Amino acid sequence: MGKPAEQASRANGNSRMALRIMWVALAVNLLAAVAKFIVAHHSGSGMILADAYYTALDSMVDVVLLSVMGFATRPPDSNHPYGHNKFEAIAVVGVAAAILLMFKDLAEHLVGSWRGQVVPHFDPLFLQVIGTAIAVGLALAAWQIVMAKRLKSSGLAADGWFTLSGSALSSLSIVSLLASRSGQWWPDMLAACLASVALLFAGWRVGRDALASLTDEARVDPLQVKEIVMAVPGVDHCHAVRSRGMPDFIQVDLNIHADPEMTLEQGHALAHRVEDAVLENVSGVVDVSVHVEPTARH
């Protein structure tokens, strides 16, 4: 198996591992959502209800990502010769859009809290349920974000940040419950306001990398690639370095100049050595296209 095939196989293996982690996340989020809906019903807290909807939305996001990321792991075919990896980026943009929709719902809750001035009902059991959900959510988010970096999965990273923002939202639910013991209603409104800021940040955080992939933003430092290429014996000059793709499926195009007396076979062998050097030294690169030009003689 050639190096590009090995790199592509590794990328697909990473995607499959990311899928298994997300199945765990889906199960955890479903249990947490059910628990929060029960607490919201008995406490009458709008903040906890928003928290429950957020967690339920997280579960729906898991379902969407699992479906789309499963498709993204398919190997290249005649219709998609560069693979299906960008479908993961499309799903991640959907995640960001869903987070922004949650911001709209929380803004409406903020207005309702201001007008109704409803004080939530307090029960120590509610604190235990929400506290457990926060602890589990933080552990899950940390696992997802660390593994996403290791596996270079933008979909898993998006879900991890979504889970992390959900835990932040749950902490605001605890603030709202504690404040209700003294008959105060405004902390519930303030919590919703802070949660809205967290949602906006999460939407920006998870959507940024996906949009970079879909808009073919440069993925590697051209100077780093040039330094690697120029270290290959036989290369006189390197220019026009371009890159694009997903973090774990980067494609690089570049031009090199070499001895004009070089035979076609020698030029082909040099191009392969350049390709191997980039694949071995630049993380995430799975394909390198090398265009060989003759060095001008003066």
C-alpha atoms as a PDB file:
ATOM      1  CA  MET A   1       0.000   0.000   0.000  1.00  0.00           C
ATOM      2  CA  GLY A   2       1.382   3.442  -0.987  1.00  0.00           C
ATOM      3  CA  LYS A   3       1.758   6.307   1.446  1.00  0.00           C
ATOM      4  CA  PRO A   4      -1.312   8.242   0.201  1.00  0.00           C
ATOM      5  CA  ALA A   5      -3.422   5.088   0.584  1.00  0.00           C
ATOM      6  CA  GLU A   6      -1.990   4.514   4.062  1.00  0.00           C
ATOM      7  CA  GLN A   7      -2.778   8.105   5.057  1.00  0.00           C
ATOM      8  CA  ALA A   8      -6.332   7.821   3.692  1.00  0.00           C
ATOM      9  CA  SER A   9      -6.824   4.507   5.499  1.00  0.00           C
ATOM     10  CA  ARG A  10      -5.642   6.091   8.755  1.00  0.00           C
ATOM     11  CA  ALA A  11      -8.062   9.003   8.247  1.00  0.00           C
ATOM     12  CA  ASN A  12     -10.968   6.590   7.755  1.00  0.00           C
ATOM     13  CA  GLY A  13      -9.904   4.669  10.870  1.00  0.00           C
ATOM     14  CA  ASN A  14      -9.943   7.924  12.835  1.00  0.00           C
ATOM     15  CA  SER A  15     -13.458   8.669  11.583  1.00  0.00           C
ATOM     16  CA  ARG A  16     -14.707   5.253  12.688  1.00  0.00           C
ATOM     17  CA  MET A  17     -13.234   5.785  16.169  1.00  0.00           C
ATOM     18  CA  ALA A  18     -14.922   9.198  16.312  1.00  0.00           C
ATOM     19  CA  LEU A  19     -18.234   7.523  15.456  1.00  0.00           C
ATOM     20  CA  ARG A  20     -17.903   5.086  18.376  1.00  0.00           C
ATOM     21  CA  ILE A  21     -17.248   7.971  20.784  1.00  0.00           C
ATOM     22  CA  MET A  22     -20.305   9.802  19.501  1.00  0.00           C
ATOM     23  CA  TRP A  23     -22.529   6.765  20.115  1.00  0.00           C
ATOM     24  CA  VAL A  24     -21.472   6.986  23.767  1.00  0.00           C
ATOM     25  CA  ALA A  25     -22.206  10.722  23.760  1.00  0.00           C
ATOM     26  CA  LEU A  26     -25.677  10.121  22.331  1.00  0.00           C
ATOM     27  CA  ALA A  27     -26.576   7.669  25.112  1.00  0.00           C
ATOM     28  CA  VAL A  28     -25.293  10.018  27.831  1.00  0.00           C
ATOM     29  CA  ASN A  29     -27.108  13.041  26.394  1.00  0.00           C
ATOM     30  CA  LEU A  30     -30.432  11.190  26.096  1.00  0.00           C
ATOM     31  CA  LEU A  31     -30.298  10.159  29.769  1.00  0.00           C
ATOM     32  CA  ALA A  32     -29.330  13.686  30.846  1.00  0.00           C
ATOM     33  CA  ALA A  33     -32.135  15.251  28.792  1.00  0.00           C
ATOM     34  CA  VAL A  34     -34.794  13.007  30.346  1.00  0.00           C
ATOM     35  CA  ALA A  35     -33.532  13.799  33.865  1.00  0.00           C
ATOM     36  CA  LYS A  36     -33.544  17.553  33.215  1.00  0.00           C
ATOM     37  CA  PHE A  37     -37.054  17.531  31.738  1.00  0.00           C
ATOM     38  CA  ILE A  38     -38.304  15.805  34.892  1.00  0.00           C
ATOM     39  CA  VAL A  39     -36.601  18.384  37.130  1.00  0.00           C
ATOM     40  CA  ALA A  40     -37.916  21.247  34.965  1.00  0.00           C
ATOM     41  CA  HIS A  41     -41.465  19.901  35.238  1.00  0.00           C
ATOM     42  CA  HIS A  42     -41.383  19.647  39.045  1.00  0.00           C
ATOM     43  CA  SER A  43     -39.441  22.864  39.696  1.00  0.00           C
ATOM     44  CA  GLY A  44     -41.194  25.132  37.243  1.00  0.00           C
ATOM     45  CA  SER A  45     -37.828  26.648  36.318  1.00  0.00           C
ATOM     46  CA  GLY A  46     -37.640  28.119  32.862  1.00  0.00           C
ATOM     47  CA  MET A  47     -33.861  28.019  33.028  1.00  0.00           C
ATOM     48  CA  ILE A  48     -33.801  24.271  33.666  1.00  0.00           C
ATOM     49  CA  LEU A  49     -36.362  23.765  30.905  1.00  0.00           C
ATOM     50  CA  ALA A  50     -34.045  25.632  28.523  1.00  0.00           C
ATOM     51  CA  ASP A  51     -31.197  23.473  29.807  1.00  0.00           C
ATOM     52  CA  ALA A  52     -33.229  20.330  29.075  1.00  0.00           C
ATOM     53  CA  TYR A  53     -34.061  21.482  25.563  1.00  0.00           C
ATOM     54  CA  TYR A  54     -30.407  22.252  24.971  1.00  0.00           C
ATOM     55  CA  THR A  55     -29.384  18.739  26.009  1.00  0.00           C
ATOM     56  CA  ALA A  56     -32.139  17.237  23.863  1.00  0.00           C
ATOM     57  CA  LEU A  57     -30.853  19.300  20.958  1.00  0.00           C
ATOM     58  CA  ASP A  58     -27.374  17.954  21.673  1.00  0.00           C
ATOM     59  CA  SER A  59     -28.809  14.448  21.284  1.00  0.00           C
ATOM     60  CA  MET A  60     -30.395  15.378  17.968  1.00  0.00           C
ATOM     61  CA  VAL A  61     -27.077  16.834  16.822  1.00  0.00           C
ATOM     62  CA  ASP A  62     -25.434  13.507  17.727  1.00  0.00           C
ATOM     63  CA  VAL A  63     -27.929  11.682  15.527  1.00  0.00           C
ATOM     64  CA  VAL A  64     -27.264  14.042  12.600  1.00  0.00           C
ATOM     65  CA  LEU A  65     -23.496  13.800  12.962  1.00  0.00           C
ATOM     66  CA  LEU A  66     -23.587  10.015  13.309  1.00  0.00           C
ATOM     67  CA  SER A  67     -25.572   9.746  10.089  1.00  0.00           C
ATOM     68  CA  VAL A  68     -23.476  12.177   8.068  1.00  0.00           C
ATOM     69  CA  MET A  69     -20.087  11.134   9.486  1.00  0.00           C
ATOM     70  CA  GLY A  70     -20.912   7.519   8.632  1.00  0.00           C
ATOM     71  CA  PHE A  71     -21.284   8.650   5.037  1.00  0.00           C
ATOM     72  CA  ALA A  72     -18.094  10.719   5.260  1.00  0.00           C
ATOM     73  CA  THR A  73     -15.993   7.624   6.008  1.00  0.00           C
ATOM     74  CA  ARG A  74     -16.777   6.049   2.635  1.00  0.00           C
ATOM     75  CA  PRO A  75     -13.759   5.664   0.328  1.00  0.00           C
ATOM     76  CA  PRO A  76     -13.396   7.749  -2.861  1.00  0.00           C
ATOM     77  CA  ASP A  77     -15.523   6.708  -5.831  1.00  0.00           C
ATOM     78  CA  SER A  78     -16.132   7.858  -9.412  1.00  0.00           C
ATOM     79  CA  ASN A  79     -18.509  10.622  -8.303  1.00  0.00           C
ATOM     80  CA  HIS A  80     -16.342  11.760  -5.376  1.00  0.00           C
ATOM     81  CA  PRO A  81     -12.727  11.041  -6.397  1.00  0.00           C
ATOM     82  CA  TYR A  82     -11.399  13.073  -3.447  1.00  0.00           C
ATOM     83  CA  GLY A  83     -13.513  11.174  -0.919  1.00  0.00           C
ATOM     84  CA  HIS A  84     -16.602  12.175   1.081  1.00  0.00           C
ATOM     85  CA  ASN A  85     -14.885  13.964   3.979  1.00  0.00           C
ATOM     86  CA  LYS A  86     -16.474  17.356   3.334  1.00  0.00           C
ATOM     87  CA  PHE A  87     -19.875  15.920   4.242  1.00  0.00           C
ATOM     88  CA  GLU A  88     -18.607  16.015   7.832  1.00  0.00           C
ATOM     89  CA  ALA A  89     -17.912  19.743   7.469  1.00  0.00           C
ATOM     90  CA  ILE A  90     -21.430  20.284   6.135  1.00  0.00           C
ATOM     91  CA  ALA A  91     -22.835  18.519   9.206  1.00  0.00           C
ATOM     92  CA  VAL A  92     -20.700  20.668  11.488  1.00  0.00           C
ATOM     93  CA  VAL A  93     -22.099  23.838   9.903  1.00  0.00           C
ATOM     94  CA  GLY A  94     -25.537  22.413  10.700  1.00  0.00           C
ATOM     95  CA  VAL A  95     -24.458  22.011  14.325  1.00  0.00           C
ATOM     96  CA  ALA A  96     -23.422  25.664  14.465  1.00  0.00           C
ATOM     97  CA  ALA A  97     -26.770  26.702  12.987  1.00  0.00           C
ATOM     98  CA  ALA A  98     -28.615  24.618  15.606  1.00  0.00           C
ATOM     99  CA  ILE A  99     -26.681  26.345  18.390  1.00  0.00           C
ATOM    100  CA  LEU A 100     -27.659  29.739  17.027  1.00  0.00           C
ATOM    101  CA  LEU A 101     -31.316  28.651  16.981  1.00  0.00           C
ATOM    102  CA  MET A 102     -30.964  27.769  20.662  1.00  0.00           C
ATOM    103  CA  PHE A 103     -29.770  31.333  21.240  1.00  0.00           C
ATOM    104  CA  LYS A 104     -33.095  32.563  19.867  1.00  0.00           C
ATOM    105  CA  ASP A 105     -35.039  30.305  22.283  1.00  0.00           C
ATOM    106  CA  LEU A 106     -33.020  31.494  25.276  1.00  0.00           C
ATOM    107  CA  ALA A 107     -33.529  35.112  24.287  1.00  0.00           C
ATOM    108  CA  GLU A 108     -37.288  34.477  24.342  1.00  0.00           C
ATOM    109  CA  HIS A 109     -36.941  32.881  27.782  1.00  0.00           C
ATOM    110  CA  LEU A 110     -35.065  35.982  28.932  1.00  0.00           C
ATOM    111  CA  VAL A 111     -37.988  38.182  27.935  1.00  0.00           C
ATOM    112  CA  GLY A 112     -40.449  35.816  29.643  1.00  0.00           C
ATOM    113  CA  SER A 113     -38.457  35.860  32.876  1.00  0.00           C
ATOM    114  CA  TRP A 114     -38.408  39.639  32.870  1.00  0.00           C
ATOM    115  CA  ARG A 115     -42.150  39.884  32.413  1.00  0.00           C
ATOM    116  CA  GLY A 116     -43.398  37.008  34.583  1.00  0.00           C
ATOM    117  CA  GLN A 117     -40.947  37.218  37.497  1.00  0.00           C
ATOM    118  CA  VAL A 118     -41.641  33.527  38.332  1.00  0.00           C
ATOM    119  CA  VAL A 119     -39.639  32.032  41.230  1.00  0.00           C
ATOM    120  CA  PRO A 120     -38.657  28.355  40.609  1.00  0.00           C
ATOM    121  CA  HIS A 121     -39.498  25.694  43.233  1.00  0.00           C
ATOM    122  CA  PHE A 122     -36.416  24.454  45.139  1.00  0.00           C
ATOM    123  CA  ASP A 123     -35.662  20.878  46.166  1.00  0.00           C
ATOM    124  CA  PRO A 124     -32.209  19.480  47.182  1.00  0.00           C
ATOM    125  CA  LEU A 125     -32.819  16.505  44.886  1.00  0.00           C
ATOM    126  CA  PHE A 126     -32.931  18.864  41.923  1.00  0.00           C
ATOM    127  CA  LEU A 127     -29.422  20.071  42.771  1.00  0.00           C
ATOM    128  CA  GLN A 128     -28.139  16.499  42.934  1.00  0.00           C
ATOM    129  CA  VAL A 129     -29.588  15.646  39.525  1.00  0.00           C
ATOM    130  CA  ILE A 130     -28.241  18.777  37.827  1.00  0.00           C
ATOM    131  CA  GLY A 131     -24.874  18.443  39.612  1.00  0.00           C
ATOM    132  CA  THR A 132     -24.482  14.848  38.410  1.00  0.00           C
ATOM    133  CA  ALA A 133     -25.381  15.904  34.872  1.00  0.00           C
ATOM    134  CA  ILE A 134     -22.728  18.629  34.981  1.00  0.00           C
ATOM    135  CA  ALA A 135     -19.994  16.271  36.205  1.00  0.00           C
ATOM    136  CA  VAL A 136     -20.782  13.644  33.572  1.00  0.00           C
ATOM    137  CA  GLY A 137     -21.107  16.299  30.864  1.00  0.00           C
ATOM    138  CA  LEU A 138     -17.739  17.870  31.663  1.00  0.00           C
ATOM    139  CA  ALA A 139     -16.009  14.480  31.611  1.00  0.00           C
ATOM    140  CA  LEU A 140     -17.680  13.590  28.309  1.00  0.00           C
ATOM    141  CA  ALA A 141     -16.813  16.954  26.721  1.00  0.00           C
ATOM    142  CA  ALA A 142     -13.174  16.730  27.799  1.00  0.00           C
ATOM    143  CA  TRP A 143     -12.924  13.215  26.345  1.00  0.00           C
ATOM    144  CA  GLN A 144     -14.518  14.299  23.063  1.00  0.00           C
ATOM    145  CA  ILE A 145     -12.350  17.399  22.628  1.00  0.00           C
ATOM    146  CA  VAL A 146      -9.091  15.580  23.454  1.00  0.00           C
ATOM    147  CA  MET A 147      -9.944  12.667  21.154  1.00  0.00           C
ATOM    148  CA  ALA A 148     -11.117  15.049  18.418  1.00  0.00           C
ATOM    149  CA  LYS A 149      -7.686  16.678  18.406  1.00  0.00           C
ATOM    150  CA  ARG A 150      -5.981  13.287  18.339  1.00  0.00           C
ATOM    151  CA  LEU A 151      -8.268  11.906  15.614  1.00  0.00           C
ATOM    152  CA  LYS A 152      -8.475  15.244  13.748  1.00  0.00           C
ATOM    153  CA  SER A 153     -12.268  15.015  13.638  1.00  0.00           C
ATOM    154  CA  SER A 154     -14.095  18.353  13.293  1.00  0.00           C
ATOM    155  CA  GLY A 155     -17.425  16.589  13.838  1.00  0.00           C
ATOM    156  CA  LEU A 156     -16.353  15.138  17.169  1.00  0.00           C
ATOM    157  CA  ALA A 157     -14.844  18.487  18.183  1.00  0.00           C
ATOM    158  CA  ALA A 158     -18.111  20.241  17.364  1.00  0.00           C
ATOM    159  CA  ASP A 159     -20.069  17.823  19.506  1.00  0.00           C
ATOM    160  CA  GLY A 160     -17.524  18.153  22.323  1.00  0.00           C
ATOM    161  CA  TRP A 161     -17.833  21.928  22.394  1.00  0.00           C
ATOM    162  CA  PHE A 162     -21.608  21.604  22.247  1.00  0.00           C
ATOM    163  CA  THR A 163     -21.495  19.294  25.277  1.00  0.00           C
ATOM    164  CA  LEU A 164     -19.151  21.671  27.106  1.00  0.00           C
ATOM    165  CA  SER A 165     -21.457  24.620  26.511  1.00  0.00           C
ATOM    166  CA  GLY A 166     -24.332  22.457  27.787  1.00  0.00           C
ATOM    167  CA  SER A 167     -22.483  21.872  31.050  1.00  0.00           C
ATOM    168  CA  ALA A 168     -21.984  25.637  31.390  1.00  0.00           C
ATOM    169  CA  LEU A 169     -25.693  26.070  30.849  1.00  0.00           C
ATOM    170  CA  SER A 170     -26.421  23.494  33.563  1.00  0.00           C
ATOM    171  CA  SER A 171     -24.260  25.397  36.043  1.00  0.00           C
ATOM    172  CA  LEU A 172     -26.497  28.400  35.475  1.00  0.00           C
ATOM    173  CA  SER A 173     -29.468  26.178  36.320  1.00  0.00           C
ATOM    174  CA  ILE A 174     -27.900  25.504  39.719  1.00  0.00           C
ATOM    175  CA  VAL A 175     -27.465  29.250  40.277  1.00  0.00           C
ATOM    176  CA  SER A 176     -31.129  29.737  39.446  1.00  0.00           C
ATOM    177  CA  LEU A 177     -32.206  26.993  41.878  1.00  0.00           C
ATOM    178  CA  LEU A 178     -30.088  28.330  44.731  1.00  0.00           C
ATOM    179  CA  ALA A 179     -31.422  31.835  44.200  1.00  0.00           C
ATOM    180  CA  SER A 180     -34.995  30.540  44.311  1.00  0.00           C
ATOM    181  CA  ARG A 181     -34.489  29.554  47.977  1.00  0.00           C
ATOM    182  CA  SER A 182     -34.553  33.244  48.878  1.00  0.00           C
ATOM    183  CA  GLY A 183     -37.519  33.990  46.630  1.00  0.00           C
ATOM    184  CA  GLN A 184     -35.468  35.751  43.940  1.00  0.00           C
ATOM    185  CA  TRP A 185     -36.600  35.531  40.326  1.00  0.00           C
ATOM    186  CA  TRP A 186     -34.007  37.689  38.546  1.00  0.00           C
ATOM    187  CA  PRO A 187     -31.101  35.168  38.722  1.00  0.00           C
ATOM    188  CA  ASP A 188     -33.110  32.922  36.396  1.00  0.00           C
ATOM    189  CA  MET A 189     -33.267  35.768  33.877  1.00  0.00           C
ATOM    190  CA  LEU A 190     -29.566  36.576  34.318  1.00  0.00           C
ATOM    191  CA  ALA A 191     -28.658  32.899  33.862  1.00  0.00           C
ATOM    192  CA  ALA A 192     -30.510  32.830  30.558  1.00  0.00           C
ATOM    193  CA  CYS A 193     -28.610  35.937  29.445  1.00  0.00           C
ATOM    194  CA  LEU A 194     -25.227  34.365  30.260  1.00  0.00           C
ATOM    195  CA  ALA A 195     -26.286  31.131  28.563  1.00  0.00           C
ATOM    196  CA  SER A 196     -27.047  33.105  25.406  1.00  0.00           C
ATOM    197  CA  VAL A 197     -23.467  34.416  25.327  1.00  0.00           C
ATOM    198  CA  ALA A 198     -22.156  30.858  25.779  1.00  0.00           C
ATOM    199  CA  LEU A 199     -24.305  29.666  22.887  1.00  0.00           C
ATOM    200  CA  LEU A 200     -23.007  32.373  20.577  1.00  0.00           C
ATOM    201  CA  PHE A 201     -19.412  31.455  21.406  1.00  0.00           C
ATOM    202  CA  ALA A 202     -20.113  27.750  20.842  1.00  0.00           C
ATOM    203  CA  GLY A 203     -21.720  28.473  17.476  1.00  0.00           C
ATOM    204  CA  TRP A 204     -18.681  30.455  16.364  1.00  0.00           C
ATOM    205  CA  ARG A 205     -16.224  27.895  17.765  1.00  0.00           C
ATOM    206  CA  VAL A 206     -17.660  24.808  16.058  1.00  0.00           C
ATOM    207  CA  GLY A 207     -18.497  26.512  12.756  1.00  0.00           C
ATOM    208  CA  ARG A 208     -15.138  28.172  12.177  1.00  0.00           C
ATOM    209  CA  ASP A 209     -13.119  25.084  11.168  1.00  0.00           C
ATOM    210  CA  ALA A 210     -15.935  23.615   9.074  1.00  0.00           C
ATOM    211  CA  LEU A 211     -16.289  26.813   7.049  1.00  0.00           C
ATOM    212  CA  ALA A 212     -12.517  26.851   6.581  1.00  0.00           C
ATOM    213  CA  SER A 213     -12.750  23.394   4.985  1.00  0.00           C
ATOM    214  CA  LEU A 214     -15.736  24.212   2.791  1.00  0.00           C
ATOM    215  CA  THR A 215     -14.163  27.462   1.531  1.00  0.00           C
ATOM    216  CA  ASP A 216     -10.799  25.801   0.789  1.00  0.00           C
ATOM    217  CA  GLU A 217      -8.873  27.857   3.330  1.00  0.00           C
ATOM    218  CA  ALA A 218      -5.141  27.055   3.437  1.00  0.00           C
ATOM    219  CA  ARG A 219      -4.526  24.160   5.842  1.00  0.00           C
ATOM    220  CA  VAL A 220      -0.719  24.082   6.123  1.00  0.00           C
ATOM    221  CA  ASP A 221       2.014  26.707   6.333  1.00  0.00           C
ATOM    222  CA  PRO A 222       3.553  27.140   2.835  1.00  0.00           C
ATOM    223  CA  LEU A 223       6.909  28.074   4.366  1.00  0.00           C
ATOM    224  CA  GLN A 224       6.971  24.816   6.330  1.00  0.00           C
ATOM    225  CA  VAL A 225       6.275  22.826   3.154  1.00  0.00           C
ATOM    226  CA  LYS A 226       8.921  24.746   1.189  1.00  0.00           C
ATOM    227  CA  GLU A 227      11.525  24.024   3.868  1.00  0.00           C
ATOM    228  CA  ILE A 228      10.744  20.305   3.724  1.00  0.00           C
ATOM    229  CA  VAL A 229      10.784  20.212  -0.076  1.00  0.00           C
ATOM    230  CA  MET A 230      14.017  22.181  -0.410  1.00  0.00           C
ATOM    231  CA  ALA A 231      15.738  19.594   1.813  1.00  0.00           C
ATOM    232  CA  VAL A 232      15.095  16.924  -0.852  1.00  0.00           C
ATOM    233  CA  PRO A 233      18.244  16.412  -2.987  1.00  0.00           C
ATOM    234  CA  GLY A 234      17.695  17.530  -6.574  1.00  0.00           C
ATOM    235  CA  VAL A 235      15.172  20.302  -5.853  1.00  0.00           C
ATOM    236  CA  ASP A 236      16.458  23.726  -6.911  1.00  0.00           C
ATOM    237  CA  HIS A 237      13.379  25.762  -5.989  1.00  0.00           C
ATOM    238  CA  CYS A 238       9.858  25.327  -4.655  1.00  0.00           C
ATOM    239  CA  HIS A 239       6.883  27.678  -5.150  1.00  0.00           C
ATOM    240  CA  ALA A 240       3.085  27.852  -5.599  1.00  0.00           C
ATOM    241  CA  VAL A 241       2.393  25.771  -2.487  1.00  0.00           C
ATOM    242  CA  ARG A 242      -1.362  25.396  -1.965  1.00  0.00           C
ATOM    243  CA  SER A 243      -3.415  23.331   0.458  1.00  0.00           C
ATOM    244  CA  ARG A 244      -7.056  22.614   1.235  1.00  0.00           C
ATOM    245  CA  GLY A 245      -9.358  20.036   2.810  1.00  0.00           C
ATOM    246  CA  MET A 246     -10.366  18.723   6.217  1.00  0.00           C
ATOM    247  CA  PRO A 247      -7.878  18.751   9.136  1.00  0.00           C
ATOM    248  CA  ASP A 248      -7.320  14.993   8.715  1.00  0.00           C
ATOM    249  CA  PHE A 249      -7.625  14.916   4.908  1.00  0.00           C
ATOM    250  CA  ILE A 250      -5.393  17.690   3.527  1.00  0.00           C
ATOM    251  CA  GLN A 251      -4.442  17.922  -0.139  1.00  0.00           C
ATOM    252  CA  VAL A 252      -1.301  19.828  -1.155  1.00  0.00           C
ATOM    253  CA  ASP A 253      -0.281  21.110  -4.609  1.00  0.00           C
ATOM    254  CA  LEU A 254       3.188  22.525  -5.302  1.00  0.00           C
ATOM    255  CA  ASN A 255       5.701  23.291  -8.029  1.00  0.00           C
ATOM    256  CA  ILE A 256       9.407  22.471  -7.975  1.00  0.00           C
ATOM    257  CA  HIS A 257      12.297  23.413 -10.249  1.00  0.00           C
ATOM    258  CA  ALA A 258      14.979  20.820 -11.113  1.00  0.00           C
ATOM    259  CA  ASP A 259      17.885  20.210 -13.471  1.00  0.00           C
ATOM    260  CA  PRO A 260      16.611  20.609 -17.075  1.00  0.00           C
ATOM    261  CA  GLU A 261      18.977  17.802 -18.156  1.00  0.00           C
ATOM    262  CA  MET A 262      17.095  15.376 -15.920  1.00  0.00           C
ATOM    263  CA  THR A 263      15.347  12.508 -17.729  1.00  0.00           C
ATOM    264  CA  LEU A 264      11.609  11.970 -17.476  1.00  0.00           C
ATOM    265  CA  GLU A 265      12.207   8.937 -15.267  1.00  0.00           C
ATOM    266  CA  GLN A 266      14.509  10.905 -12.974  1.00  0.00           C
ATOM    267  CA  GLY A 267      11.997  13.767 -12.745  1.00  0.00           C
ATOM    268  CA  HIS A 268       9.251  11.303 -11.880  1.00  0.00           C
ATOM    269  CA  ALA A 269      11.405   9.739  -9.135  1.00  0.00           C
ATOM    270  CA  LEU A 270      12.217  13.208  -7.735  1.00  0.00           C
ATOM    271  CA  ALA A 271       8.520  14.088  -7.603  1.00  0.00           C
ATOM    272  CA  HIS A 272       7.873  10.895  -5.616  1.00  0.00           C
ATOM    273  CA  ARG A 273      10.638  11.760  -3.146  1.00  0.00           C
ATOM    274  CA  VAL A 274       9.117  15.218  -2.646  1.00  0.00           C
ATOM    275  CA  GLU A 275       5.669  13.689  -2.169  1.00  0.00           C
ATOM    276  CA  ASP A 276       6.969  11.217   0.424  1.00  0.00           C
ATOM    277  CA  ALA A 277       8.818  13.975   2.317  1.00  0.00           C
ATOM    278  CA  VAL A 278       5.656  16.079   2.658  1.00  0.00           C
ATOM    279  CA  LEU A 279       3.476  13.101   3.622  1.00  0.00           C
ATOM    280  CA  GLU A 280       5.929  12.040   6.322  1.00  0.00           C
ATOM    281  CA  ASN A 281       6.512  15.476   7.846  1.00  0.00           C
ATOM    282  CA  VAL A 282       3.212  17.373   7.616  1.00  0.00           C
ATOM    283  CA  SER A 283       0.399  16.068   9.803  1.00  0.00           C
ATOM    284  CA  GLY A 284      -2.950  15.420   8.145  1.00  0.00           C
ATOM    285  CA  VAL A 285      -1.715  15.442   4.542  1.00  0.00           C
ATOM    286  CA  VAL A 286      -3.032  12.506   2.479  1.00  0.00           C
ATOM    287  CA  ASP A 287      -2.335  13.654  -1.075  1.00  0.00           C
ATOM    288  CA  VAL A 288       0.467  15.674  -2.688  1.00  0.00           C
ATOM    289  CA  SER A 289       0.550  16.789  -6.332  1.00  0.00           C
ATOM    290  CA  VAL A 290       4.007  17.808  -7.562  1.00  0.00           C
ATOM    291  CA  HIS A 291       4.564  19.710 -10.818  1.00  0.00           C
ATOM    292  CA  VAL A 292       8.185  19.563 -12.019  1.00  0.00           C
ATOM    293  CA  GLU A 293       9.598  22.496 -14.009  1.00  0.00           C
ATOM    294  CA  PRO A 294      13.083  22.971 -15.487  1.00  0.00           C
ATOM    295  CA  THR A 295      15.415  25.341 -13.717  1.00  0.00           C
ATOM    296  CA  ALA A 296      16.279  28.289 -15.965  1.00  0.00           C
ATOM    297  CA  ARG A 297      19.934  28.392 -16.975  1.00  0.00           C
ATOM    298  CA  HIS A 298      21.544  31.815 -17.475  1.00  0.00           C
END
